[in-house]
Amino acid sequence: MNWEIKDLMCDIEVVKEKINDVAIKHGWFVEDKFVKDELETKQEHINFSASYLEHRIQNEHTVELLQVYLKEFGELIQKFHEIEKASLQADQSESNA
């Protein structure tokens, strides 16, 4: 049982690192593309519009990755609950013996 928990914690750490990577990458994107609070000139509007497709793709990929990782995280939480339930049942069996 203990090794199952250790294995599960390793999987959780991997998902945490993946989410952190997405957050860092998106932070770099935001820092690079959104350097001002608002666009002031016509040229800034034109430049921003020209990169609209890039922004849309970046945002879609970020959301898709986060959804995948959240699903994976949810599955790991479910596994934890299953391990916890099995552990409680084993403890009750030992108490009844």
PDB file of N, CA and C in Angstrom:
ATOM      1  N   MET A   1       0.836  -1.200   0.000  1.00  0.00           N
ATOM      2  CA  MET A   1       0.000   0.000   0.000  1.00  0.00           C
ATOM      3  C   MET A   1       0.878   1.260   0.000  1.00  0.00           C
ATOM      4  N   ASN A   2       1.951   1.229   0.795  1.00  0.00           N
ATOM      5  CA  ASN A   2       2.823   2.398   0.908  1.00  0.00           C
ATOM      6  C   ASN A   2       3.475   2.735  -0.435  1.00  0.00           C
ATOM      7  N   TRP A   3       3.869   1.708  -1.186  1.00  0.00           N
ATOM      8  CA  TRP A   3       4.492   1.964  -2.490  1.00  0.00           C
ATOM      9  C   TRP A   3       3.491   2.563  -3.464  1.00  0.00           C
ATOM     10  N   GLU A   4       2.204   2.189  -3.325  1.00  0.00           N
ATOM     11  CA  GLU A   4       1.182   2.770  -4.195  1.00  0.00           C
ATOM     12  C   GLU A   4       1.054   4.274  -3.957  1.00  0.00           C
ATOM     13  N   ILE A   5       1.123   4.667  -2.698  1.00  0.00           N
ATOM     14  CA  ILE A   5       1.035   6.093  -2.362  1.00  0.00           C
ATOM     15  C   ILE A   5       2.264   6.833  -2.879  1.00  0.00           C
ATOM     16  N   LYS A   6       3.445   6.235  -2.715  1.00  0.00           N
ATOM     17  CA  LYS A   6       4.668   6.871  -3.217  1.00  0.00           C
ATOM     18  C   LYS A   6       4.616   7.016  -4.740  1.00  0.00           C
ATOM     19  N   ASP A   7       4.138   5.976  -5.423  1.00  0.00           N
ATOM     20  CA  ASP A   7       4.006   6.018  -6.878  1.00  0.00           C
ATOM     21  C   ASP A   7       3.020   7.104  -7.300  1.00  0.00           C
ATOM     22  N   LEU A   8       1.912   7.179  -6.593  1.00  0.00           N
ATOM     23  CA  LEU A   8       0.898   8.191  -6.874  1.00  0.00           C
ATOM     24  C   LEU A   8       1.453   9.597  -6.661  1.00  0.00           C
ATOM     25  N   MET A   9       2.209   9.785  -5.597  1.00  0.00           N
ATOM     26  CA  MET A   9       2.797  11.103  -5.331  1.00  0.00           C
ATOM     27  C   MET A   9       3.786  11.497  -6.431  1.00  0.00           C
ATOM     28  N   CYS A  10       4.522  10.531  -6.950  1.00  0.00           N
ATOM     29  CA  CYS A  10       5.429  10.822  -8.076  1.00  0.00           C
ATOM     30  C   CYS A  10       4.637  11.281  -9.295  1.00  0.00           C
ATOM     31  N   ASP A  11       3.519  10.599  -9.561  1.00  0.00           N
ATOM     32  CA  ASP A  11       2.667  10.994 -10.689  1.00  0.00           C
ATOM     33  C   ASP A  11       2.099  12.396 -10.488  1.00  0.00           C
ATOM     34  N   ILE A  12       1.711  12.704  -9.264  1.00  0.00           N
ATOM     35  CA  ILE A  12       1.182  14.042  -8.959  1.00  0.00           C
ATOM     36  C   ILE A  12       2.261  15.098  -9.173  1.00  0.00           C
ATOM     37  N   GLU A  13       3.483  14.797  -8.769  1.00  0.00           N
ATOM     38  CA  GLU A  13       4.596  15.736  -8.980  1.00  0.00           C
ATOM     39  C   GLU A  13       4.829  15.984 -10.471  1.00  0.00           C
ATOM     40  N   VAL A  14       4.709  14.936 -11.284  1.00  0.00           N
ATOM     41  CA  VAL A  14       4.887  15.082 -12.736  1.00  0.00           C
ATOM     42  C   VAL A  14       3.825  16.019 -13.303  1.00  0.00           C
ATOM     43  N   VAL A  15       2.570  15.820 -12.900  1.00  0.00           N
ATOM     44  CA  VAL A  15       1.490  16.690 -13.383  1.00  0.00           C
ATOM     45  C   VAL A  15       1.721  18.122 -12.920  1.00  0.00           C
ATOM     46  N   LYS A  16       2.162  18.281 -11.674  1.00  0.00           N
ATOM     47  CA  LYS A  16       2.452  19.624 -11.145  1.00  0.00           C
ATOM     48  C   LYS A  16       3.529  20.307 -11.993  1.00  0.00           C
ATOM     49  N   GLU A  17       4.578  19.570 -12.348  1.00  0.00           N
ATOM     50  CA  GLU A  17       5.644  20.129 -13.173  1.00  0.00           C
ATOM     51  C   GLU A  17       5.129  20.511 -14.561  1.00  0.00           C
ATOM     52  N   LYS A  18       4.247  19.681 -15.122  1.00  0.00           N
ATOM     53  CA  LYS A  18       3.673  19.992 -16.434  1.00  0.00           C
ATOM     54  C   LYS A  18       2.850  21.277 -16.379  1.00  0.00           C
ATOM     55  N   ILE A  19       2.031  21.407 -15.349  1.00  0.00           N
ATOM     56  CA  ILE A  19       1.216  22.618 -15.198  1.00  0.00           C
ATOM     57  C   ILE A  19       2.118  23.830 -15.002  1.00  0.00           C
ATOM     58  N   ASN A  20       3.174  23.668 -14.221  1.00  0.00           N
ATOM     59  CA  ASN A  20       4.125  24.760 -14.005  1.00  0.00           C
ATOM     60  C   ASN A  20       4.788  25.168 -15.322  1.00  0.00           C
ATOM     61  N   ASP A  21       5.149  24.186 -16.149  1.00  0.00           N
ATOM     62  CA  ASP A  21       5.747  24.487 -17.454  1.00  0.00           C
ATOM     63  C   ASP A  21       4.796  25.308 -18.323  1.00  0.00           C
ATOM     64  N   VAL A  22       3.512  24.927 -18.327  1.00  0.00           N
ATOM     65  CA  VAL A  22       2.519  25.670 -19.111  1.00  0.00           C
ATOM     66  C   VAL A  22       2.408  27.099 -18.586  1.00  0.00           C
ATOM     67  N   ALA A  23       2.369  27.246 -17.260  1.00  0.00           N
ATOM     68  CA  ALA A  23       2.249  28.580 -16.662  1.00  0.00           C
ATOM     69  C   ALA A  23       3.458  29.450 -17.010  1.00  0.00           C
ATOM     70  N   ILE A  24       4.646  28.877 -16.932  1.00  0.00           N
ATOM     71  CA  ILE A  24       5.860  29.631 -17.256  1.00  0.00           C
ATOM     72  C   ILE A  24       5.855  30.037 -18.728  1.00  0.00           C
ATOM     73  N   LYS A  25       5.549  29.090 -19.609  1.00  0.00           N
ATOM     74  CA  LYS A  25       5.532  29.381 -21.050  1.00  0.00           C
ATOM     75  C   LYS A  25       4.497  30.450 -21.374  1.00  0.00           C
ATOM     76  N   HIS A  26       3.332  30.356 -20.774  1.00  0.00           N
ATOM     77  CA  HIS A  26       2.304  31.364 -21.033  1.00  0.00           C
ATOM     78  C   HIS A  26       2.743  32.722 -20.470  1.00  0.00           C
ATOM     79  N   GLY A  27       3.426  32.703 -19.339  1.00  0.00           N
ATOM     80  CA  GLY A  27       3.958  33.945 -18.771  1.00  0.00           C
ATOM     81  C   GLY A  27       4.941  34.613 -19.712  1.00  0.00           C
ATOM     82  N   TRP A  28       5.806  33.819 -20.323  1.00  0.00           N
ATOM     83  CA  TRP A  28       6.750  34.369 -21.302  1.00  0.00           C
ATOM     84  C   TRP A  28       6.000  34.975 -22.482  1.00  0.00           C
ATOM     85  N   PHE A  29       4.972  34.279 -22.940  1.00  0.00           N
ATOM     86  CA  PHE A  29       4.174  34.770 -24.067  1.00  0.00           C
ATOM     87  C   PHE A  29       3.534  36.109 -23.719  1.00  0.00           C
ATOM     88  N   VAL A  30       2.946  36.192 -22.543  1.00  0.00           N
ATOM     89  CA  VAL A  30       2.286  37.430 -22.110  1.00  0.00           C
ATOM     90  C   VAL A  30       3.307  38.557 -21.976  1.00  0.00           C
ATOM     91  N   GLU A  31       4.452  38.268 -21.364  1.00  0.00           N
ATOM     92  CA  GLU A  31       5.486  39.296 -21.203  1.00  0.00           C
ATOM     93  C   GLU A  31       5.973  39.809 -22.553  1.00  0.00           C
ATOM     94  N   ASP A  32       6.069  38.912 -23.513  1.00  0.00           N
ATOM     95  CA  ASP A  32       6.579  39.278 -24.833  1.00  0.00           C
ATOM     96  C   ASP A  32       5.552  40.048 -25.660  1.00  0.00           C
ATOM     97  N   LYS A  33       4.291  39.662 -25.560  1.00  0.00           N
ATOM     98  CA  LYS A  33       3.260  40.232 -26.430  1.00  0.00           C
ATOM     99  C   LYS A  33       2.493  41.392 -25.815  1.00  0.00           C
ATOM    100  N   PHE A  34       2.396  41.425 -24.523  1.00  0.00           N
ATOM    101  CA  PHE A  34       1.584  42.446 -23.862  1.00  0.00           C
ATOM    102  C   PHE A  34       2.477  43.318 -22.976  1.00  0.00           C
ATOM    103  N   VAL A  35       3.276  44.144 -23.640  1.00  0.00           N
ATOM    104  CA  VAL A  35       4.251  44.955 -22.915  1.00  0.00           C
ATOM    105  C   VAL A  35       3.661  46.259 -22.388  1.00  0.00           C
ATOM    106  N   LYS A  36       2.485  46.626 -22.876  1.00  0.00           N
ATOM    107  CA  LYS A  36       1.818  47.856 -22.433  1.00  0.00           C
ATOM    108  C   LYS A  36       0.427  47.518 -21.922  1.00  0.00           C
ATOM    109  N   ASP A  37      -0.122  48.403 -21.112  1.00  0.00           N
ATOM    110  CA  ASP A  37      -1.486  48.208 -20.631  1.00  0.00           C
ATOM    111  C   ASP A  37      -2.511  48.408 -21.741  1.00  0.00           C
ATOM    112  N   GLU A  38      -2.208  49.289 -22.680  1.00  0.00           N
ATOM    113  CA  GLU A  38      -3.120  49.505 -23.804  1.00  0.00           C
ATOM    114  C   GLU A  38      -2.327  49.964 -25.022  1.00  0.00           C
ATOM    115  N   LEU A  39      -2.899  49.732 -26.188  1.00  0.00           N
ATOM    116  CA  LEU A  39      -2.271  50.156 -27.439  1.00  0.00           C
ATOM    117  C   LEU A  39      -2.584  51.629 -27.669  1.00  0.00           C
ATOM    118  N   GLU A  40      -1.552  52.383 -28.043  1.00  0.00           N
ATOM    119  CA  GLU A  40      -1.716  53.834 -28.134  1.00  0.00           C
ATOM    120  C   GLU A  40      -1.734  54.365 -29.564  1.00  0.00           C
ATOM    121  N   THR A  41      -1.059  53.682 -30.460  1.00  0.00           N
ATOM    122  CA  THR A  41      -0.960  54.217 -31.821  1.00  0.00           C
ATOM    123  C   THR A  41      -1.619  53.272 -32.823  1.00  0.00           C
ATOM    124  N   LYS A  42      -1.855  53.807 -33.990  1.00  0.00           N
ATOM    125  CA  LYS A  42      -2.426  52.997 -35.064  1.00  0.00           C
ATOM    126  C   LYS A  42      -1.479  51.853 -35.420  1.00  0.00           C
ATOM    127  N   GLN A  43      -0.188  52.135 -35.447  1.00  0.00           N
ATOM    128  CA  GLN A  43       0.802  51.104 -35.791  1.00  0.00           C
ATOM    129  C   GLN A  43       0.799  49.981 -34.751  1.00  0.00           C
ATOM    130  N   GLU A  44       0.649  50.316 -33.490  1.00  0.00           N
ATOM    131  CA  GLU A  44       0.569  49.281 -32.451  1.00  0.00           C
ATOM    132  C   GLU A  44      -0.664  48.399 -32.661  1.00  0.00           C
ATOM    133  N   HIS A  45      -1.767  48.993 -33.041  1.00  0.00           N
ATOM    134  CA  HIS A  45      -2.982  48.228 -33.335  1.00  0.00           C
ATOM    135  C   HIS A  45      -2.772  47.310 -34.543  1.00  0.00           C
ATOM    136  N   ILE A  46      -2.121  47.824 -35.560  1.00  0.00           N
ATOM    137  CA  ILE A  46      -1.852  47.027 -36.762  1.00  0.00           C
ATOM    138  C   ILE A  46      -0.939  45.852 -36.419  1.00  0.00           C
ATOM    139  N   ASN A  47       0.123  46.119 -35.684  1.00  0.00           N
ATOM    140  CA  ASN A  47       1.059  45.054 -35.298  1.00  0.00           C
ATOM    141  C   ASN A  47       0.368  43.982 -34.456  1.00  0.00           C
ATOM    142  N   PHE A  48      -0.458  44.420 -33.522  1.00  0.00           N
ATOM    143  CA  PHE A  48      -1.171  43.476 -32.668  1.00  0.00           C
ATOM    144  C   PHE A  48      -2.147  42.642 -33.499  1.00  0.00           C
ATOM    145  N   SER A  49      -2.852  43.284 -34.400  1.00  0.00           N
ATOM    146  CA  SER A  49      -3.803  42.573 -35.264  1.00  0.00           C
ATOM    147  C   SER A  49      -3.097  41.552 -36.144  1.00  0.00           C
ATOM    148  N   ALA A  50      -1.908  41.899 -36.597  1.00  0.00           N
ATOM    149  CA  ALA A  50      -1.154  40.992 -37.463  1.00  0.00           C
ATOM    150  C   ALA A  50      -0.769  39.703 -36.738  1.00  0.00           C
ATOM    151  N   SER A  51      -0.645  39.757 -35.435  1.00  0.00           N
ATOM    152  CA  SER A  51      -0.258  38.564 -34.677  1.00  0.00           C
ATOM    153  C   SER A  51      -1.454  37.893 -33.993  1.00  0.00           C
ATOM    154  N   TYR A  52      -2.658  38.252 -34.425  1.00  0.00           N
ATOM    155  CA  TYR A  52      -3.877  37.698 -33.827  1.00  0.00           C
ATOM    156  C   TYR A  52      -3.887  36.170 -33.893  1.00  0.00           C
ATOM    157  N   LEU A  53      -3.564  35.610 -35.050  1.00  0.00           N
ATOM    158  CA  LEU A  53      -3.583  34.162 -35.223  1.00  0.00           C
ATOM    159  C   LEU A  53      -2.628  33.485 -34.237  1.00  0.00           C
ATOM    160  N   GLU A  54      -1.437  34.043 -34.107  1.00  0.00           N
ATOM    161  CA  GLU A  54      -0.461  33.501 -33.158  1.00  0.00           C
ATOM    162  C   GLU A  54      -1.024  33.527 -31.733  1.00  0.00           C
ATOM    163  N   HIS A  55      -1.660  34.606 -31.363  1.00  0.00           N
ATOM    164  CA  HIS A  55      -2.237  34.724 -30.014  1.00  0.00           C
ATOM    165  C   HIS A  55      -3.337  33.688 -29.804  1.00  0.00           C
ATOM    166  N   ARG A  56      -4.197  33.545 -30.799  1.00  0.00           N
ATOM    167  CA  ARG A  56      -5.306  32.593 -30.690  1.00  0.00           C
ATOM    168  C   ARG A  56      -4.781  31.170 -30.536  1.00  0.00           C
ATOM    169  N   ILE A  57      -3.808  30.806 -31.356  1.00  0.00           N
ATOM    170  CA  ILE A  57      -3.233  29.460 -31.285  1.00  0.00           C
ATOM    171  C   ILE A  57      -2.576  29.233 -29.927  1.00  0.00           C
ATOM    172  N   GLN A  58      -1.809  30.193 -29.459  1.00  0.00           N
ATOM    173  CA  GLN A  58      -1.154  30.075 -28.153  1.00  0.00           C
ATOM    174  C   GLN A  58      -2.185  29.874 -27.051  1.00  0.00           C
ATOM    175  N   ASN A  59      -3.231  30.668 -27.060  1.00  0.00           N
ATOM    176  CA  ASN A  59      -4.259  30.554 -26.021  1.00  0.00           C
ATOM    177  C   ASN A  59      -4.998  29.222 -26.104  1.00  0.00           C
ATOM    178  N   GLU A  60      -5.327  28.774 -27.310  1.00  0.00           N
ATOM    179  CA  GLU A  60      -5.996  27.480 -27.464  1.00  0.00           C
ATOM    180  C   GLU A  60      -5.121  26.345 -26.948  1.00  0.00           C
ATOM    181  N   HIS A  61      -3.848  26.375 -27.292  1.00  0.00           N
ATOM    182  CA  HIS A  61      -2.938  25.322 -26.840  1.00  0.00           C
ATOM    183  C   HIS A  61      -2.787  25.332 -25.322  1.00  0.00           C
ATOM    184  N   THR A  62      -2.704  26.503 -24.755  1.00  0.00           N
ATOM    185  CA  THR A  62      -2.589  26.607 -23.299  1.00  0.00           C
ATOM    186  C   THR A  62      -3.812  26.011 -22.619  1.00  0.00           C
ATOM    187  N   VAL A  63      -4.985  26.369 -23.097  1.00  0.00           N
ATOM    188  CA  VAL A  63      -6.224  25.854 -22.506  1.00  0.00           C
ATOM    189  C   VAL A  63      -6.318  24.342 -22.687  1.00  0.00           C
ATOM    190  N   GLU A  64      -5.991  23.848 -23.879  1.00  0.00           N
ATOM    191  CA  GLU A  64      -6.052  22.407 -24.134  1.00  0.00           C
ATOM    192  C   GLU A  64      -5.096  21.642 -23.220  1.00  0.00           C
ATOM    193  N   LEU A  65      -3.882  22.135 -23.080  1.00  0.00           N
ATOM    194  CA  LEU A  65      -2.921  21.478 -22.193  1.00  0.00           C
ATOM    195  C   LEU A  65      -3.404  21.473 -20.750  1.00  0.00           C
ATOM    196  N   LEU A  66      -3.906  22.602 -20.294  1.00  0.00           N
ATOM    197  CA  LEU A  66      -4.401  22.660 -18.922  1.00  0.00           C
ATOM    198  C   LEU A  66      -5.571  21.706 -18.715  1.00  0.00           C
ATOM    199  N   GLN A  67      -6.449  21.578 -19.696  1.00  0.00           N
ATOM    200  CA  GLN A  67      -7.568  20.639 -19.578  1.00  0.00           C
ATOM    201  C   GLN A  67      -7.073  19.199 -19.497  1.00  0.00           C
ATOM    202  N   VAL A  68      -6.085  18.853 -20.309  1.00  0.00           N
ATOM    203  CA  VAL A  68      -5.510  17.507 -20.267  1.00  0.00           C
ATOM    204  C   VAL A  68      -4.887  17.245 -18.895  1.00  0.00           C
ATOM    205  N   TYR A  69      -4.117  18.208 -18.400  1.00  0.00           N
ATOM    206  CA  TYR A  69      -3.451  18.022 -17.115  1.00  0.00           C
ATOM    207  C   TYR A  69      -4.438  17.990 -15.958  1.00  0.00           C
ATOM    208  N   LEU A  70      -5.506  18.782 -16.041  1.00  0.00           N
ATOM    209  CA  LEU A  70      -6.532  18.743 -14.996  1.00  0.00           C
ATOM    210  C   LEU A  70      -7.257  17.405 -14.996  1.00  0.00           C
ATOM    211  N   LYS A  71      -7.512  16.856 -16.171  1.00  0.00           N
ATOM    212  CA  LYS A  71      -8.133  15.528 -16.254  1.00  0.00           C
ATOM    213  C   LYS A  71      -7.209  14.489 -15.624  1.00  0.00           C
ATOM    214  N   GLU A  72      -5.936  14.551 -15.968  1.00  0.00           N
ATOM    215  CA  GLU A  72      -4.945  13.627 -15.413  1.00  0.00           C
ATOM    216  C   GLU A  72      -4.865  13.779 -13.894  1.00  0.00           C
ATOM    217  N   PHE A  73      -4.898  15.008 -13.432  1.00  0.00           N
ATOM    218  CA  PHE A  73      -4.860  15.270 -11.992  1.00  0.00           C
ATOM    219  C   PHE A  73      -6.104  14.698 -11.314  1.00  0.00           C
ATOM    220  N   GLY A  74      -7.268  14.858 -11.941  1.00  0.00           N
ATOM    221  CA  GLY A  74      -8.507  14.296 -11.403  1.00  0.00           C
ATOM    222  C   GLY A  74      -8.441  12.780 -11.298  1.00  0.00           C
ATOM    223  N   GLU A  75      -7.848  12.137 -12.304  1.00  0.00           N
ATOM    224  CA  GLU A  75      -7.685  10.681 -12.272  1.00  0.00           C
ATOM    225  C   GLU A  75      -6.762  10.262 -11.133  1.00  0.00           C
ATOM    226  N   LEU A  76      -5.722  11.030 -10.888  1.00  0.00           N
ATOM    227  CA  LEU A  76      -4.808  10.724  -9.784  1.00  0.00           C
ATOM    228  C   LEU A  76      -5.504  10.885  -8.435  1.00  0.00           C
ATOM    229  N   ILE A  77      -6.333  11.898  -8.312  1.00  0.00           N
ATOM    230  CA  ILE A  77      -7.098  12.088  -7.076  1.00  0.00           C
ATOM    231  C   ILE A  77      -8.029  10.900  -6.865  1.00  0.00           C
ATOM    232  N   GLN A  78      -8.662  10.430  -7.935  1.00  0.00           N
ATOM    233  CA  GLN A  78      -9.544   9.263  -7.837  1.00  0.00           C
ATOM    234  C   GLN A  78      -8.759   8.037  -7.374  1.00  0.00           C
ATOM    235  N   LYS A  79      -7.557   7.835  -7.931  1.00  0.00           N
ATOM    236  CA  LYS A  79      -6.713   6.715  -7.498  1.00  0.00           C
ATOM    237  C   LYS A  79      -6.382   6.834  -6.017  1.00  0.00           C
ATOM    238  N   PHE A  80      -6.094   8.054  -5.573  1.00  0.00           N
ATOM    239  CA  PHE A  80      -5.789   8.263  -4.161  1.00  0.00           C
ATOM    240  C   PHE A  80      -6.974   7.844  -3.299  1.00  0.00           C
ATOM    241  N   HIS A  81      -8.186   8.242  -3.698  1.00  0.00           N
ATOM    242  CA  HIS A  81      -9.380   7.872  -2.933  1.00  0.00           C
ATOM    243  C   HIS A  81      -9.564   6.353  -2.911  1.00  0.00           C
ATOM    244  N   GLU A  82      -9.247   5.687  -4.016  1.00  0.00           N
ATOM    245  CA  GLU A  82      -9.348   4.230  -4.059  1.00  0.00           C
ATOM    246  C   GLU A  82      -8.338   3.586  -3.116  1.00  0.00           C
ATOM    247  N   ILE A  83      -7.123   4.105  -3.102  1.00  0.00           N
ATOM    248  CA  ILE A  83      -6.097   3.585  -2.190  1.00  0.00           C
ATOM    249  C   ILE A  83      -6.511   3.827  -0.744  1.00  0.00           C
ATOM    250  N   GLU A  84      -7.014   5.019  -0.481  1.00  0.00           N
ATOM    251  CA  GLU A  84      -7.463   5.367   0.867  1.00  0.00           C
ATOM    252  C   GLU A  84      -8.589   4.436   1.319  1.00  0.00           C
ATOM    253  N   LYS A  85      -9.539   4.179   0.442  1.00  0.00           N
ATOM    254  CA  LYS A  85     -10.667   3.301   0.767  1.00  0.00           C
ATOM    255  C   LYS A  85     -10.169   1.881   1.046  1.00  0.00           C
ATOM    256  N   ALA A  86      -9.269   1.382   0.199  1.00  0.00           N
ATOM    257  CA  ALA A  86      -8.712   0.043   0.396  1.00  0.00           C
ATOM    258  C   ALA A  86      -7.941  -0.035   1.705  1.00  0.00           C
ATOM    259  N   SER A  87      -7.236   1.019   2.034  1.00  0.00           N
ATOM    260  CA  SER A  87      -6.476   1.063   3.283  1.00  0.00           C
ATOM    261  C   SER A  87      -7.404   1.025   4.489  1.00  0.00           C
ATOM    262  N   LEU A  88      -8.489   1.788   4.432  1.00  0.00           N
ATOM    263  CA  LEU A  88      -9.457   1.788   5.531  1.00  0.00           C
ATOM    264  C   LEU A  88     -10.107   0.424   5.686  1.00  0.00           C
ATOM    265  N   GLN A  89     -10.433  -0.223   4.579  1.00  0.00           N
ATOM    266  CA  GLN A  89     -11.031  -1.553   4.637  1.00  0.00           C
ATOM    267  C   GLN A  89     -10.052  -2.564   5.222  1.00  0.00           C
ATOM    268  N   ALA A  90      -8.775  -2.447   4.863  1.00  0.00           N
ATOM    269  CA  ALA A  90      -7.756  -3.344   5.411  1.00  0.00           C
ATOM    270  C   ALA A  90      -7.603  -3.122   6.910  1.00  0.00           C
ATOM    271  N   ASP A  91      -7.632  -1.867   7.344  1.00  0.00           N
ATOM    272  CA  ASP A  91      -7.536  -1.556   8.771  1.00  0.00           C
ATOM    273  C   ASP A  91      -8.722  -2.124   9.535  1.00  0.00           C
ATOM    274  N   GLN A  92      -9.909  -2.029   8.959  1.00  0.00           N
ATOM    275  CA  GLN A  92     -11.109  -2.557   9.609  1.00  0.00           C
ATOM    276  C   GLN A  92     -11.053  -4.075   9.687  1.00  0.00           C
ATOM    277  N   SER A  93     -10.525  -4.719   8.656  1.00  0.00           N
ATOM    278  CA  SER A  93     -10.395  -6.176   8.662  1.00  0.00           C
ATOM    279  C   SER A  93      -9.441  -6.624   9.757  1.00  0.00           C
ATOM    280  N   GLU A  94      -8.342  -5.882   9.924  1.00  0.00           N
ATOM    281  CA  GLU A  94      -7.380  -6.215  10.974  1.00  0.00           C
ATOM    282  C   GLU A  94      -7.987  -6.002  12.352  1.00  0.00           C
ATOM    283  N   SER A  95      -8.801  -4.975  12.503  1.00  0.00           N
ATOM    284  CA  SER A  95      -9.443  -4.685  13.788  1.00  0.00           C
ATOM    285  C   SER A  95     -10.459  -5.761  14.146  1.00  0.00           C
ATOM    286  N   ASN A  96     -11.136  -6.299  13.149  1.00  0.00           N
ATOM    287  CA  ASN A  96     -12.154  -7.319  13.378  1.00  0.00           C
ATOM    288  C   ASN A  96     -11.545  -8.690  13.624  1.00  0.00           C
ATOM    289  N   ALA A  97     -10.293  -8.877  13.259  1.00  0.00           N
ATOM    290  CA  ALA A  97      -9.657 -10.193  13.399  1.00  0.00           C
ATOM    291  C   ALA A  97      -9.216 -10.478  14.794  1.00  0.00           C
TER     292      ALA A  97
END
